[in-house]
């Protein structure tokens, strides 16, 4: 039971829980962000004014290419080359109601196209061999949808990293605290306790460090008591020896200077 509890509170298990939590938050964030992004793109793409502006912009780009290359309608290979590099839209080119080019059929128009009617909303397009009408079938929302997808992925990944960093930051801050407290203990300050937080390996290490601090402090206390007892013993011994040594010194000096009245007094000093 104790081993199971220690595994649950271990750093590895906590890291796994943090990664799972960060992944869940990132997934939920991606769903919300992507849904919001696609909704915004749909509103933009479904707008007639937006489609019209994009069609006109697309037609202007094609006209610039035609003018630069001095193309005629029969230059289908060059038209296909340009269309392949502007895949966001298909084009049809008409003249007098007859379909002359369709980017959907780059190899050549099928026979059934002879009866096709030219759609409305055509855009004038001038070739070297005369004026034509252009019809654009744009898929402009594709780039926007891809942009919404990429943006949602990047933001979700950022949320994942931020969540992981915030979770790891607490552990890093605790490690720095332990490092500072160990430095305090190295200076000889053993009354400052080691902070114990949580139940993981760092907490166990902090608890062992605190026990070591207490052991050092107790050892220092005992050494101080022994030193004080030694000093007291020396003091008491010095006081015990001082009186007889003083008397001995006095009698010796009196004998040396022959400060006695008779031989009997001399022997009493010697005794």
C-alpha atoms as a PDB file:
ATOM      1  CA  UNK A   1       0.000   0.000   0.000  1.00  0.00           C
ATOM      2  CA  UNK A   2       2.844   2.330   0.897  1.00  0.00           C
ATOM      3  CA  UNK A   3       4.661   1.479  -2.352  1.00  0.00           C
ATOM      4  CA  UNK A   4       1.512   2.227  -4.334  1.00  0.00           C
ATOM      5  CA  UNK A   5       1.090   5.586  -2.597  1.00  0.00           C
ATOM      6  CA  UNK A   6       4.727   6.466  -3.217  1.00  0.00           C
ATOM      7  CA  UNK A   7       4.322   5.632  -6.923  1.00  0.00           C
ATOM      8  CA  UNK A   8       1.211   7.793  -7.149  1.00  0.00           C
ATOM      9  CA  UNK A   9       3.060  10.756  -5.656  1.00  0.00           C
ATOM     10  CA  UNK A  10       6.314  10.147  -7.534  1.00  0.00           C
ATOM     11  CA  UNK A  11       7.753  12.765  -9.881  1.00  0.00           C
ATOM     12  CA  UNK A  12       7.348  10.481 -12.914  1.00  0.00           C
ATOM     13  CA  UNK A  13       3.679   9.830 -12.238  1.00  0.00           C
ATOM     14  CA  UNK A  14       3.050  13.525 -11.563  1.00  0.00           C
ATOM     15  CA  UNK A  15       4.740  14.376 -14.864  1.00  0.00           C
ATOM     16  CA  UNK A  16       2.497  11.895 -16.699  1.00  0.00           C
ATOM     17  CA  UNK A  17      -0.581  13.426 -15.066  1.00  0.00           C
ATOM     18  CA  UNK A  18       0.625  16.892 -16.045  1.00  0.00           C
ATOM     19  CA  UNK A  19       1.164  15.847 -19.678  1.00  0.00           C
ATOM     20  CA  UNK A  20      -2.275  14.199 -19.835  1.00  0.00           C
ATOM     21  CA  UNK A  21      -3.920  17.301 -18.369  1.00  0.00           C
ATOM     22  CA  UNK A  22      -2.046  19.552 -20.793  1.00  0.00           C
ATOM     23  CA  UNK A  23      -3.069  17.305 -23.717  1.00  0.00           C
ATOM     24  CA  UNK A  24      -6.734  17.414 -22.669  1.00  0.00           C
ATOM     25  CA  UNK A  25      -6.679  21.201 -22.343  1.00  0.00           C
ATOM     26  CA  UNK A  26      -4.915  21.519 -25.699  1.00  0.00           C
ATOM     27  CA  UNK A  27      -7.456  19.220 -27.381  1.00  0.00           C
ATOM     28  CA  UNK A  28     -10.426  21.139 -25.951  1.00  0.00           C
ATOM     29  CA  UNK A  29      -8.780  24.434 -26.937  1.00  0.00           C
ATOM     30  CA  UNK A  30      -8.213  23.134 -30.476  1.00  0.00           C
ATOM     31  CA  UNK A  31     -11.857  22.111 -30.828  1.00  0.00           C
ATOM     32  CA  UNK A  32     -13.092  25.497 -29.622  1.00  0.00           C
ATOM     33  CA  UNK A  33     -10.590  27.533 -31.645  1.00  0.00           C
ATOM     34  CA  UNK A  34     -11.065  25.540 -34.836  1.00  0.00           C
ATOM     35  CA  UNK A  35     -14.854  25.725 -34.557  1.00  0.00           C
ATOM     36  CA  UNK A  36     -14.681  29.480 -34.045  1.00  0.00           C
ATOM     37  CA  UNK A  37     -12.212  29.871 -36.909  1.00  0.00           C
ATOM     38  CA  UNK A  38     -14.256  27.826 -39.387  1.00  0.00           C
ATOM     39  CA  UNK A  39     -17.391  29.701 -38.406  1.00  0.00           C
ATOM     40  CA  UNK A  40     -15.652  33.019 -39.076  1.00  0.00           C
ATOM     41  CA  UNK A  41     -14.307  31.727 -42.412  1.00  0.00           C
ATOM     42  CA  UNK A  42     -17.774  30.497 -43.418  1.00  0.00           C
ATOM     43  CA  UNK A  43     -19.257  33.905 -42.730  1.00  0.00           C
ATOM     44  CA  UNK A  44     -16.537  35.506 -44.836  1.00  0.00           C
ATOM     45  CA  UNK A  45     -16.667  33.011 -47.716  1.00  0.00           C
ATOM     46  CA  UNK A  46     -20.450  33.012 -47.976  1.00  0.00           C
ATOM     47  CA  UNK A  47     -20.430  36.765 -48.486  1.00  0.00           C
ATOM     48  CA  UNK A  48     -21.212  37.684 -52.120  1.00  0.00           C
ATOM     49  CA  UNK A  49     -19.111  40.847 -51.980  1.00  0.00           C
ATOM     50  CA  UNK A  50     -16.094  38.824 -50.822  1.00  0.00           C
ATOM     51  CA  UNK A  51     -16.506  36.318 -53.657  1.00  0.00           C
ATOM     52  CA  UNK A  52     -16.898  39.102 -56.191  1.00  0.00           C
ATOM     53  CA  UNK A  53     -13.753  40.870 -55.000  1.00  0.00           C
ATOM     54  CA  UNK A  54     -11.773  37.644 -55.114  1.00  0.00           C
ATOM     55  CA  UNK A  55     -13.055  36.810 -58.616  1.00  0.00           C
ATOM     56  CA  UNK A  56     -12.035  40.230 -59.854  1.00  0.00           C
ATOM     57  CA  UNK A  57      -8.635  39.944 -58.214  1.00  0.00           C
ATOM     58  CA  UNK A  58      -8.146  36.519 -59.768  1.00  0.00           C
ATOM     59  CA  UNK A  59      -9.179  37.831 -63.198  1.00  0.00           C
ATOM     60  CA  UNK A  60      -6.810  40.804 -62.840  1.00  0.00           C
ATOM     61  CA  UNK A  61      -3.924  38.457 -62.158  1.00  0.00           C
ATOM     62  CA  UNK A  62      -4.798  36.363 -65.209  1.00  0.00           C
ATOM     63  CA  UNK A  63      -5.066  39.472 -67.377  1.00  0.00           C
ATOM     64  CA  UNK A  64      -1.604  40.609 -66.296  1.00  0.00           C
ATOM     65  CA  UNK A  65      -0.204  37.201 -67.265  1.00  0.00           C
ATOM     66  CA  UNK A  66      -1.968  37.320 -70.656  1.00  0.00           C
ATOM     67  CA  UNK A  67      -0.621  40.809 -71.356  1.00  0.00           C
ATOM     68  CA  UNK A  68       2.903  39.885 -70.254  1.00  0.00           C
ATOM     69  CA  UNK A  69       2.988  36.761 -72.458  1.00  0.00           C
ATOM     70  CA  UNK A  70       0.859  38.262 -75.287  1.00  0.00           C
ATOM     71  CA  UNK A  71      -1.336  35.149 -75.248  1.00  0.00           C
ATOM     72  CA  UNK A  72      -4.158  34.208 -77.519  1.00  0.00           C
ATOM     73  CA  UNK A  73      -7.024  31.901 -76.579  1.00  0.00           C
ATOM     74  CA  UNK A  74      -5.369  29.038 -78.427  1.00  0.00           C
ATOM     75  CA  UNK A  75      -2.345  29.105 -76.068  1.00  0.00           C
ATOM     76  CA  UNK A  76      -3.960  26.526 -73.833  1.00  0.00           C
ATOM     77  CA  UNK A  77      -0.689  25.095 -72.492  1.00  0.00           C
ATOM     78  CA  UNK A  78       0.350  28.420 -71.024  1.00  0.00           C
ATOM     79  CA  UNK A  79      -3.132  29.006 -69.671  1.00  0.00           C
ATOM     80  CA  UNK A  80      -3.009  25.578 -68.007  1.00  0.00           C
ATOM     81  CA  UNK A  81       0.441  26.341 -66.583  1.00  0.00           C
ATOM     82  CA  UNK A  82      -0.875  29.512 -64.971  1.00  0.00           C
ATOM     83  CA  UNK A  83      -4.046  27.799 -63.762  1.00  0.00           C
ATOM     84  CA  UNK A  84      -2.083  24.996 -62.099  1.00  0.00           C
ATOM     85  CA  UNK A  85      -0.196  27.572 -60.077  1.00  0.00           C
ATOM     86  CA  UNK A  86      -3.427  29.298 -59.053  1.00  0.00           C
ATOM     87  CA  UNK A  87      -5.326  26.210 -57.997  1.00  0.00           C
ATOM     88  CA  UNK A  88      -7.739  28.076 -55.729  1.00  0.00           C
ATOM     89  CA  UNK A  89     -10.087  28.581 -58.698  1.00  0.00           C
ATOM     90  CA  UNK A  90     -11.107  26.956 -61.982  1.00  0.00           C
ATOM     91  CA  UNK A  91     -11.719  29.102 -65.044  1.00  0.00           C
ATOM     92  CA  UNK A  92     -13.799  28.947 -68.193  1.00  0.00           C
ATOM     93  CA  UNK A  93     -13.225  31.221 -71.184  1.00  0.00           C
ATOM     94  CA  UNK A  94     -16.049  32.000 -73.604  1.00  0.00           C
ATOM     95  CA  UNK A  95     -16.335  33.972 -76.838  1.00  0.00           C
ATOM     96  CA  UNK A  96     -19.706  34.777 -78.299  1.00  0.00           C
ATOM     97  CA  UNK A  97     -21.276  32.194 -75.997  1.00  0.00           C
ATOM     98  CA  UNK A  98     -18.940  29.393 -77.069  1.00  0.00           C
ATOM     99  CA  UNK A  99     -16.683  27.679 -74.494  1.00  0.00           C
ATOM    100  CA  UNK A 100     -13.095  27.903 -75.695  1.00  0.00           C
ATOM    101  CA  UNK A 101     -11.109  26.827 -72.641  1.00  0.00           C
ATOM    102  CA  UNK A 102     -11.859  25.053 -69.349  1.00  0.00           C
ATOM    103  CA  UNK A 103      -9.090  24.565 -66.767  1.00  0.00           C
ATOM    104  CA  UNK A 104     -10.929  21.451 -65.574  1.00  0.00           C
ATOM    105  CA  UNK A 105     -10.169  19.868 -68.978  1.00  0.00           C
ATOM    106  CA  UNK A 106      -6.564  20.954 -69.665  1.00  0.00           C
ATOM    107  CA  UNK A 107      -6.070  18.240 -72.311  1.00  0.00           C
ATOM    108  CA  UNK A 108      -9.001  19.448 -74.402  1.00  0.00           C
ATOM    109  CA  UNK A 109     -12.719  20.090 -74.170  1.00  0.00           C
ATOM    110  CA  UNK A 110     -15.127  17.146 -74.436  1.00  0.00           C
ATOM    111  CA  UNK A 111     -17.570  17.094 -77.325  1.00  0.00           C
ATOM    112  CA  UNK A 112     -20.539  17.705 -75.038  1.00  0.00           C
ATOM    113  CA  UNK A 113     -19.361  21.250 -74.308  1.00  0.00           C
ATOM    114  CA  UNK A 114     -20.625  22.463 -77.665  1.00  0.00           C
ATOM    115  CA  UNK A 115     -24.102  22.735 -76.249  1.00  0.00           C
ATOM    116  CA  UNK A 116     -23.171  24.376 -73.002  1.00  0.00           C
ATOM    117  CA  UNK A 117     -24.587  27.793 -72.292  1.00  0.00           C
ATOM    118  CA  UNK A 118     -22.363  30.542 -70.997  1.00  0.00           C
ATOM    119  CA  UNK A 119     -23.172  31.311 -67.355  1.00  0.00           C
ATOM    120  CA  UNK A 120     -23.941  34.773 -66.127  1.00  0.00           C
ATOM    121  CA  UNK A 121     -21.610  37.123 -64.216  1.00  0.00           C
ATOM    122  CA  UNK A 122     -18.837  36.784 -66.776  1.00  0.00           C
ATOM    123  CA  UNK A 123     -15.752  39.012 -66.548  1.00  0.00           C
ATOM    124  CA  UNK A 124     -14.256  40.609 -69.688  1.00  0.00           C
ATOM    125  CA  UNK A 125     -10.840  39.211 -70.605  1.00  0.00           C
ATOM    126  CA  UNK A 126      -8.699  40.595 -73.423  1.00  0.00           C
ATOM    127  CA  UNK A 127      -6.425  38.273 -75.427  1.00  0.00           C
ATOM    128  CA  UNK A 128      -4.120  39.109 -78.298  1.00  0.00           C
ATOM    129  CA  UNK A 129      -6.709  37.708 -80.715  1.00  0.00           C
ATOM    130  CA  UNK A 130      -9.693  39.507 -79.258  1.00  0.00           C
ATOM    131  CA  UNK A 131     -11.970  39.929 -76.269  1.00  0.00           C
ATOM    132  CA  UNK A 132     -13.438  36.999 -74.354  1.00  0.00           C
ATOM    133  CA  UNK A 133     -15.563  36.403 -71.280  1.00  0.00           C
ATOM    134  CA  UNK A 134     -14.164  34.739 -68.156  1.00  0.00           C
ATOM    135  CA  UNK A 135     -16.071  32.671 -65.630  1.00  0.00           C
ATOM    136  CA  UNK A 136     -14.300  31.940 -62.295  1.00  0.00           C
ATOM    137  CA  UNK A 137     -15.246  29.079 -59.966  1.00  0.00           C
ATOM    138  CA  UNK A 138     -13.275  30.017 -56.883  1.00  0.00           C
ATOM    139  CA  UNK A 139     -12.575  27.981 -53.767  1.00  0.00           C
ATOM    140  CA  UNK A 140     -11.124  30.901 -51.875  1.00  0.00           C
ATOM    141  CA  UNK A 141     -12.184  29.564 -48.524  1.00  0.00           C
ATOM    142  CA  UNK A 142      -9.701  26.692 -48.735  1.00  0.00           C
ATOM    143  CA  UNK A 143      -6.722  28.846 -47.796  1.00  0.00           C
ATOM    144  CA  UNK A 144      -8.723  30.462 -45.021  1.00  0.00           C
ATOM    145  CA  UNK A 145      -9.818  27.090 -43.665  1.00  0.00           C
ATOM    146  CA  UNK A 146      -6.233  25.870 -43.745  1.00  0.00           C
ATOM    147  CA  UNK A 147      -5.179  29.066 -41.987  1.00  0.00           C
ATOM    148  CA  UNK A 148      -7.832  28.517 -39.316  1.00  0.00           C
ATOM    149  CA  UNK A 149      -6.645  24.926 -38.879  1.00  0.00           C
ATOM    150  CA  UNK A 150      -2.977  25.903 -38.582  1.00  0.00           C
ATOM    151  CA  UNK A 151      -3.784  28.761 -36.211  1.00  0.00           C
ATOM    152  CA  UNK A 152      -5.865  26.478 -33.994  1.00  0.00           C
ATOM    153  CA  UNK A 153      -3.077  23.887 -33.958  1.00  0.00           C
ATOM    154  CA  UNK A 154      -0.409  26.459 -33.078  1.00  0.00           C
ATOM    155  CA  UNK A 155      -2.493  28.028 -30.317  1.00  0.00           C
ATOM    156  CA  UNK A 156      -3.381  24.614 -28.908  1.00  0.00           C
ATOM    157  CA  UNK A 157       0.282  23.609 -28.906  1.00  0.00           C
ATOM    158  CA  UNK A 158       1.131  26.877 -27.158  1.00  0.00           C
ATOM    159  CA  UNK A 159      -1.518  26.108 -24.518  1.00  0.00           C
ATOM    160  CA  UNK A 160      -0.035  22.627 -24.104  1.00  0.00           C
ATOM    161  CA  UNK A 161       3.469  24.026 -23.586  1.00  0.00           C
ATOM    162  CA  UNK A 162       2.212  26.760 -21.256  1.00  0.00           C
ATOM    163  CA  UNK A 163       0.348  24.231 -19.115  1.00  0.00           C
ATOM    164  CA  UNK A 164       3.394  21.953 -18.892  1.00  0.00           C
ATOM    165  CA  UNK A 165       5.703  24.865 -18.085  1.00  0.00           C
ATOM    166  CA  UNK A 166       3.368  26.129 -15.373  1.00  0.00           C
ATOM    167  CA  UNK A 167       3.261  22.651 -13.826  1.00  0.00           C
ATOM    168  CA  UNK A 168       7.039  22.224 -13.988  1.00  0.00           C
ATOM    169  CA  UNK A 169       7.588  25.755 -12.699  1.00  0.00           C
ATOM    170  CA  UNK A 170       6.281  24.764  -9.256  1.00  0.00           C
ATOM    171  CA  UNK A 171       8.806  21.930  -9.042  1.00  0.00           C
ATOM    172  CA  UNK A 172      11.639  24.175 -10.263  1.00  0.00           C
ATOM    173  CA  UNK A 173      10.696  26.821  -7.712  1.00  0.00           C
ATOM    174  CA  UNK A 174      10.756  24.184  -4.949  1.00  0.00           C
ATOM    175  CA  UNK A 175      14.199  22.963  -6.106  1.00  0.00           C
ATOM    176  CA  UNK A 176      15.510  26.534  -5.948  1.00  0.00           C
ATOM    177  CA  UNK A 177      14.077  26.895  -2.438  1.00  0.00           C
ATOM    178  CA  UNK A 178      15.824  23.698  -1.319  1.00  0.00           C
ATOM    179  CA  UNK A 179      19.068  24.908  -2.872  1.00  0.00           C
ATOM    180  CA  UNK A 180      18.839  28.198  -0.964  1.00  0.00           C
ATOM    181  CA  UNK A 181      18.088  26.434   2.322  1.00  0.00           C
ATOM    182  CA  UNK A 182      21.018  24.046   1.814  1.00  0.00           C
ATOM    183  CA  UNK A 183      23.303  27.037   1.292  1.00  0.00           C
ATOM    184  CA  UNK A 184      22.011  28.507   4.566  1.00  0.00           C
ATOM    185  CA  UNK A 185      22.752  25.206   6.305  1.00  0.00           C
ATOM    186  CA  UNK A 186      26.270  25.191   4.827  1.00  0.00           C
ATOM    187  CA  UNK A 187      27.005  28.484   6.598  1.00  0.00           C
ATOM    188  CA  UNK A 188      26.398  26.775   9.939  1.00  0.00           C
ATOM    189  CA  UNK A 189      22.880  28.079  10.531  1.00  0.00           C
ATOM    190  CA  UNK A 190      21.178  24.889  11.711  1.00  0.00           C
ATOM    191  CA  UNK A 191      18.090  26.453  13.309  1.00  0.00           C
ATOM    192  CA  UNK A 192      16.488  27.242   9.935  1.00  0.00           C
ATOM    193  CA  UNK A 193      14.260  24.250   8.990  1.00  0.00           C
ATOM    194  CA  UNK A 194      14.209  22.633   5.533  1.00  0.00           C
ATOM    195  CA  UNK A 195      10.838  23.127   3.804  1.00  0.00           C
ATOM    196  CA  UNK A 196       8.978  19.889   3.049  1.00  0.00           C
ATOM    197  CA  UNK A 197       6.288  20.161   0.348  1.00  0.00           C
ATOM    198  CA  UNK A 198       4.297  17.317  -1.137  1.00  0.00           C
ATOM    199  CA  UNK A 199       4.979  13.604  -1.026  1.00  0.00           C
ATOM    200  CA  UNK A 200       7.298  13.037  -3.988  1.00  0.00           C
ATOM    201  CA  UNK A 201      11.016  12.240  -4.131  1.00  0.00           C
ATOM    202  CA  UNK A 202      11.947  15.886  -3.578  1.00  0.00           C
ATOM    203  CA  UNK A 203       9.838  15.979  -0.432  1.00  0.00           C
ATOM    204  CA  UNK A 204      11.536  12.791   0.815  1.00  0.00           C
ATOM    205  CA  UNK A 205      14.934  14.329   0.069  1.00  0.00           C
ATOM    206  CA  UNK A 206      13.940  17.524   1.907  1.00  0.00           C
ATOM    207  CA  UNK A 207      12.805  15.487   4.903  1.00  0.00           C
ATOM    208  CA  UNK A 208      16.113  13.620   4.995  1.00  0.00           C
ATOM    209  CA  UNK A 209      18.005  16.902   4.763  1.00  0.00           C
ATOM    210  CA  UNK A 210      15.978  18.287   7.656  1.00  0.00           C
ATOM    211  CA  UNK A 211      16.732  15.171   9.729  1.00  0.00           C
ATOM    212  CA  UNK A 212      20.418  15.628   8.933  1.00  0.00           C
ATOM    213  CA  UNK A 213      20.174  19.277  10.001  1.00  0.00           C
ATOM    214  CA  UNK A 214      18.618  18.237  13.308  1.00  0.00           C
ATOM    215  CA  UNK A 215      21.337  15.601  13.815  1.00  0.00           C
ATOM    216  CA  UNK A 216      24.071  18.175  13.168  1.00  0.00           C
ATOM    217  CA  UNK A 217      22.412  20.621  15.533  1.00  0.00           C
ATOM    218  CA  UNK A 218      22.162  17.961  18.272  1.00  0.00           C
ATOM    219  CA  UNK A 219      25.780  16.988  17.713  1.00  0.00           C
ATOM    220  CA  UNK A 220      26.852  20.620  17.999  1.00  0.00           C
ATOM    221  CA  UNK A 221      24.798  20.978  21.183  1.00  0.00           C
ATOM    222  CA  UNK A 222      26.462  17.950  22.735  1.00  0.00           C
ATOM    223  CA  UNK A 223      29.894  19.152  21.713  1.00  0.00           C
ATOM    224  CA  UNK A 224      29.132  22.527  23.277  1.00  0.00           C
ATOM    225  CA  UNK A 225      28.003  20.828  26.497  1.00  0.00           C
ATOM    226  CA  UNK A 226      31.164  18.697  26.596  1.00  0.00           C
ATOM    227  CA  UNK A 227      33.323  21.753  25.994  1.00  0.00           C
ATOM    228  CA  UNK A 228      31.565  23.652  28.758  1.00  0.00           C
ATOM    229  CA  UNK A 229      31.921  20.677  31.137  1.00  0.00           C
ATOM    230  CA  UNK A 230      35.631  20.439  30.301  1.00  0.00           C
ATOM    231  CA  UNK A 231      36.104  24.123  30.977  1.00  0.00           C
ATOM    232  CA  UNK A 232      34.218  23.849  34.291  1.00  0.00           C
ATOM    233  CA  UNK A 233      36.375  20.911  35.315  1.00  0.00           C
ATOM    234  CA  UNK A 234      39.566  22.790  34.503  1.00  0.00           C
ATOM    235  CA  UNK A 235      38.319  25.821  36.408  1.00  0.00           C
ATOM    236  CA  UNK A 236      37.416  23.767  39.446  1.00  0.00           C
ATOM    237  CA  UNK A 237      40.753  21.968  39.335  1.00  0.00           C
ATOM    238  CA  UNK A 238      42.608  25.257  39.100  1.00  0.00           C
ATOM    239  CA  UNK A 239      40.658  26.615  42.077  1.00  0.00           C
ATOM    240  CA  UNK A 240      41.367  23.386  44.012  1.00  0.00           C
ATOM    241  CA  UNK A 241      45.093  23.560  43.333  1.00  0.00           C
ATOM    242  CA  UNK A 242      45.539  27.294  43.710  1.00  0.00           C
ATOM    243  CA  UNK A 243      45.254  27.437  47.566  1.00  0.00           C
ATOM    244  CA  UNK A 244      47.745  24.666  48.494  1.00  0.00           C
ATOM    245  CA  UNK A 245      50.153  25.775  45.772  1.00  0.00           C
ATOM    246  CA  UNK A 246      50.034  29.328  47.106  1.00  0.00           C
ATOM    247  CA  UNK A 247      50.720  28.109  50.648  1.00  0.00           C
ATOM    248  CA  UNK A 248      53.567  25.902  49.405  1.00  0.00           C
ATOM    249  CA  UNK A 249      55.074  28.849  47.511  1.00  0.00           C
ATOM    250  CA  UNK A 250      54.887  31.095  50.588  1.00  0.00           C
ATOM    251  CA  UNK A 251      56.507  28.547  52.917  1.00  0.00           C
ATOM    252  CA  UNK A 252      59.189  27.782  50.316  1.00  0.00           C
ATOM    253  CA  UNK A 253      60.021  31.475  49.933  1.00  0.00           C
ATOM    254  CA  UNK A 254      60.180  31.864  53.749  1.00  0.00           C
ATOM    255  CA  UNK A 255      62.541  28.914  54.025  1.00  0.00           C
ATOM    256  CA  UNK A 256      64.634  30.204  51.140  1.00  0.00           C
ATOM    257  CA  UNK A 257      64.985  33.627  52.750  1.00  0.00           C
ATOM    258  CA  UNK A 258      65.454  32.056  56.219  1.00  0.00           C
ATOM    259  CA  UNK A 259      62.516  33.874  57.662  1.00  0.00           C
ATOM    260  CA  UNK A 260      62.134  31.664  60.709  1.00  0.00           C
ATOM    261  CA  UNK A 261      63.179  32.279  64.319  1.00  0.00           C
ATOM    262  CA  UNK A 262      64.522  28.894  65.287  1.00  0.00           C
ATOM    263  CA  UNK A 263      65.005  25.384  63.995  1.00  0.00           C
ATOM    264  CA  UNK A 264      61.698  24.226  65.391  1.00  0.00           C
ATOM    265  CA  UNK A 265      59.857  26.833  63.351  1.00  0.00           C
ATOM    266  CA  UNK A 266      61.862  25.817  60.254  1.00  0.00           C
ATOM    267  CA  UNK A 267      60.717  22.210  60.543  1.00  0.00           C
ATOM    268  CA  UNK A 268      57.147  23.309  60.992  1.00  0.00           C
ATOM    269  CA  UNK A 269      57.428  25.221  57.684  1.00  0.00           C
ATOM    270  CA  UNK A 270      58.903  22.151  56.009  1.00  0.00           C
ATOM    271  CA  UNK A 271      56.133  19.972  57.315  1.00  0.00           C
END
